[in-house]
N, C-alpha and C. Protein backbone atom coordinates (compact mmCIF):
# COMPACT_ATOMS: atom_id res chain seq x y z
N MET A 1 1.06 -1.11 0.14
CA MET A 1 -0.04 0.12 -0.06
C MET A 1 0.66 1.40 -0.06
N ASP A 2 0.20 2.45 -0.65
CA ASP A 2 1.02 3.57 -0.54
C ASP A 2 0.93 4.48 0.48
N ARG A 3 1.03 5.41 0.85
CA ARG A 3 0.90 6.56 1.84
C ARG A 3 -0.65 6.52 2.00
N SER A 4 -1.17 6.79 0.85
CA SER A 4 -2.77 7.10 0.88
C SER A 4 -3.49 6.21 1.50
N GLY A 5 -3.05 4.93 1.85
CA GLY A 5 -3.61 3.96 2.16
C GLY A 5 -4.20 3.11 0.92
N SER A 6 -4.13 3.46 -0.08
CA SER A 6 -4.94 2.66 -1.30
C SER A 6 -3.72 1.71 -1.40
N ALA A 7 -4.47 0.62 -2.53
CA ALA A 7 -3.24 -0.12 -3.05
C ALA A 7 -2.56 0.54 -4.05
N PRO A 8 -1.26 0.39 -4.10
CA PRO A 8 -0.40 0.89 -5.37
C PRO A 8 -0.96 0.47 -7.01
N SER A 9 -0.87 1.42 -7.59
CA SER A 9 -1.40 1.12 -9.04
C SER A 9 -0.14 0.15 -9.94
N LEU A 10 -0.80 -0.71 -10.54
CA LEU A 10 0.07 -1.24 -11.63
C LEU A 10 0.56 -0.81 -12.73
N LEU A 11 1.57 -0.81 -13.24
CA LEU A 11 2.01 -0.04 -14.40
C LEU A 11 1.50 -0.57 -15.79
N ALA A 12 1.36 -2.19 -15.38
CA ALA A 12 0.62 -2.42 -17.01
C ALA A 12 -0.34 -3.76 -16.13
N TYR A 13 -0.99 -4.21 -16.89
CA TYR A 13 -2.10 -4.98 -16.74
C TYR A 13 -2.33 -6.33 -17.70
N ARG A 14 -2.57 -7.24 -16.87
CA ARG A 14 -2.55 -8.71 -18.18
C ARG A 14 -3.91 -8.20 -18.32
N VAL A 15 -4.78 -9.07 -19.99
CA VAL A 15 -6.17 -8.52 -20.12
C VAL A 15 -7.29 -8.62 -19.13
N GLU A 16 -6.92 -9.69 -18.28
CA GLU A 16 -8.16 -10.00 -17.58
C GLU A 16 -8.01 -8.88 -16.26
N ASP A 17 -7.05 -8.19 -16.02
CA ASP A 17 -7.01 -6.99 -14.97
C ASP A 17 -7.46 -5.91 -15.52
N ALA A 18 -6.99 -5.82 -16.53
CA ALA A 18 -7.34 -4.56 -17.77
C ALA A 18 -9.11 -4.32 -17.65
N ALA A 19 -9.31 -5.96 -18.16
CA ALA A 19 -10.91 -5.89 -18.13
C ALA A 19 -11.50 -5.48 -16.56
N ARG A 20 -10.99 -6.05 -15.74
CA ARG A 20 -11.73 -5.66 -14.66
C ARG A 20 -11.49 -3.96 -14.32
N GLU A 21 -10.54 -3.61 -14.10
CA GLU A 21 -10.42 -2.39 -14.25
C GLU A 21 -10.94 -1.14 -14.86
N LEU A 22 -11.55 -1.62 -16.38
CA LEU A 22 -12.59 -0.83 -17.11
C LEU A 22 -14.04 -1.58 -17.12
N SER A 23 -14.06 -2.41 -16.01
CA SER A 23 -15.65 -2.79 -16.10
C SER A 23 -16.11 -3.45 -17.09
N MET A 24 -15.52 -4.26 -17.56
CA MET A 24 -15.83 -4.93 -19.02
C MET A 24 -15.43 -6.39 -19.28
N SER A 25 -16.01 -7.07 -19.93
CA SER A 25 -15.28 -8.40 -20.29
C SER A 25 -14.02 -8.61 -21.07
N ARG A 26 -13.64 -9.81 -20.46
CA ARG A 26 -11.98 -9.93 -21.43
C ARG A 26 -12.55 -9.91 -22.66
N ARG A 27 -13.25 -10.45 -23.57
CA ARG A 27 -13.83 -10.40 -24.65
C ARG A 27 -14.00 -9.32 -25.52
N GLN A 28 -14.60 -8.10 -24.51
CA GLN A 28 -14.48 -6.49 -24.84
C GLN A 28 -13.09 -6.16 -24.70
N VAL A 29 -12.37 -6.39 -24.19
CA VAL A 29 -11.05 -5.84 -24.32
C VAL A 29 -10.41 -6.41 -25.22
N TYR A 30 -10.59 -7.58 -25.48
CA TYR A 30 -9.81 -8.19 -26.83
C TYR A 30 -10.36 -7.90 -28.18
N ARG A 31 -11.70 -7.40 -28.13
CA ARG A 31 -12.10 -6.67 -29.37
C ARG A 31 -11.49 -5.14 -29.44
N LEU A 32 -11.41 -4.34 -28.67
CA LEU A 32 -10.83 -3.31 -28.74
C LEU A 32 -9.28 -3.17 -28.98
N LEU A 33 -8.67 -4.44 -28.43
CA LEU A 33 -7.38 -4.72 -29.00
C LEU A 33 -7.08 -5.10 -30.26
N ALA A 34 -8.07 -5.49 -30.85
CA ALA A 34 -8.05 -6.19 -32.29
C ALA A 34 -8.58 -4.83 -33.53
N THR A 35 -8.89 -4.06 -32.53
CA THR A 35 -9.36 -2.79 -33.50
C THR A 35 -8.42 -1.53 -33.49
N GLY A 36 -7.47 -1.80 -32.27
CA GLY A 36 -6.65 -1.00 -32.23
C GLY A 36 -6.92 0.19 -31.28
N GLU A 37 -8.39 0.54 -30.79
CA GLU A 37 -9.04 1.27 -29.81
C GLU A 37 -8.20 1.05 -28.46
N LEU A 38 -7.61 0.03 -28.42
CA LEU A 38 -6.65 -0.41 -27.05
C LEU A 38 -5.36 -0.79 -27.37
N LEU A 39 -4.29 -0.49 -26.75
CA LEU A 39 -3.09 -0.57 -27.55
C LEU A 39 -2.20 -1.63 -26.17
N ALA A 40 -1.79 -2.63 -26.41
CA ALA A 40 -0.92 -3.78 -25.86
C ALA A 40 0.31 -3.83 -26.17
N ARG A 41 1.24 -4.11 -25.22
CA ARG A 41 2.40 -4.67 -25.58
C ARG A 41 2.91 -6.42 -25.01
N LYS A 42 3.16 -6.88 -26.12
CA LYS A 42 3.27 -8.72 -25.66
C LYS A 42 4.93 -8.76 -25.23
N THR A 43 4.77 -9.55 -24.12
CA THR A 43 6.24 -9.71 -23.24
C THR A 43 6.15 -11.41 -23.15
N GLY A 44 6.78 -11.93 -24.25
CA GLY A 44 6.86 -13.35 -24.11
C GLY A 44 5.56 -13.47 -24.53
N SER A 45 4.64 -14.37 -24.08
CA SER A 45 3.44 -14.85 -23.99
C SER A 45 2.57 -14.09 -23.41
N ARG A 46 2.89 -13.20 -22.60
CA ARG A 46 1.40 -12.33 -22.03
C ARG A 46 1.71 -11.25 -22.98
N THR A 47 0.22 -10.60 -22.80
CA THR A 47 -0.28 -9.49 -23.58
C THR A 47 -0.44 -8.42 -22.15
N LEU A 48 0.55 -7.11 -22.01
CA LEU A 48 0.07 -6.30 -21.34
C LEU A 48 -0.34 -5.15 -21.72
N ILE A 49 -0.98 -4.69 -20.81
CA ILE A 49 -2.01 -3.05 -21.24
C ILE A 49 -1.26 -1.98 -20.01
N GLU A 50 -0.37 -1.17 -20.68
CA GLU A 50 0.21 0.38 -19.92
C GLU A 50 -1.23 0.71 -19.17
N ARG A 51 -0.77 0.95 -17.69
CA ARG A 51 -2.11 1.85 -17.24
C ARG A 51 -2.37 3.34 -17.93
N VAL A 52 -1.29 3.84 -18.54
CA VAL A 52 -1.72 5.28 -19.26
C VAL A 52 -2.45 5.09 -20.25
N GLU A 53 -2.42 3.38 -21.07
CA GLU A 53 -3.28 3.62 -22.06
C GLU A 53 -4.71 2.83 -21.57
N LEU A 54 -4.92 2.59 -20.72
CA LEU A 54 -6.24 2.33 -20.03
C LEU A 54 -6.81 3.70 -19.88
N VAL A 55 -6.06 4.74 -19.00
CA VAL A 55 -6.55 6.20 -18.74
C VAL A 55 -6.75 6.74 -20.30
N ARG A 56 -5.73 6.66 -21.38
CA ARG A 56 -5.73 7.46 -22.93
C ARG A 56 -7.37 6.90 -23.05
N PHE A 57 -7.51 5.54 -23.23
CA PHE A 57 -8.79 4.68 -23.72
C PHE A 57 -9.77 5.47 -23.08
N LEU A 58 -10.16 5.76 -21.76
CA LEU A 58 -11.07 6.31 -21.13
C LEU A 58 -11.30 7.42 -21.32
N ARG A 59 -10.41 8.17 -21.56
CA ARG A 59 -10.37 9.80 -22.01
C ARG A 59 -10.88 9.88 -23.16
N ARG A 60 -10.94 9.00 -24.14
CA ARG A 60 -11.53 9.05 -25.61
C ARG A 60 -12.94 8.73 -25.61
N GLN A 61 -13.41 8.18 -24.58
CA GLN A 61 -14.69 7.85 -24.78
C GLN A 61 -15.60 9.08 -24.43
N ARG A 62 -17.12 8.87 -24.99
CA ARG A 62 -17.59 10.18 -24.56
C ARG A 62 -18.29 10.02 -23.48
N GLN A 63 -18.37 11.20 -22.51
CA GLN A 63 -18.52 11.05 -21.44
C GLN A 63 -20.17 10.87 -21.34
N TYR A 64 -20.71 10.40 -20.52
CA TYR A 64 -22.26 9.77 -20.40
C TYR A 64 -22.65 11.26 -19.47
N ARG A 65 -23.78 11.62 -20.30
CA ARG A 65 -24.66 12.73 -19.42
C ARG A 65 -26.51 12.45 -19.61
N PRO A 66 -26.93 11.98 -18.27
CA PRO A 66 -28.22 11.34 -18.46
C PRO A 66 -28.70 12.37 -19.05
N SER A 67 -30.27 11.78 -19.31
CA SER A 67 -31.22 12.56 -20.30
C SER A 67 -31.95 14.22 -19.30
N GLY A 68 -31.94 14.76 -19.85
CA GLY A 68 -32.28 16.23 -19.36
C GLY A 68 -31.24 17.02 -18.48
N ALA A 69 -30.07 16.01 -18.47
CA ALA A 69 -29.04 17.56 -18.28
C ALA A 69 -28.57 18.26 -18.91
N ALA A 70 -28.48 19.58 -18.74
CA ALA A 70 -27.91 20.33 -19.72
C ALA A 70 -26.61 20.35 -20.04
């Protein structure tokens, strides 16, 4: 844990962990990787998605605005 009391962030995530962080399925993450919407690195047989890439992906997404919100 870091000084703030929360668990430290990883620098890179396995597909399963990235899916959990993004609140989506592994299948959805693989689709995003296939279309190039999400970028990853191969390290041996492992596919790793950097934390900064997850943040970039989320920033590119449209923001949700409830209907009736100005």
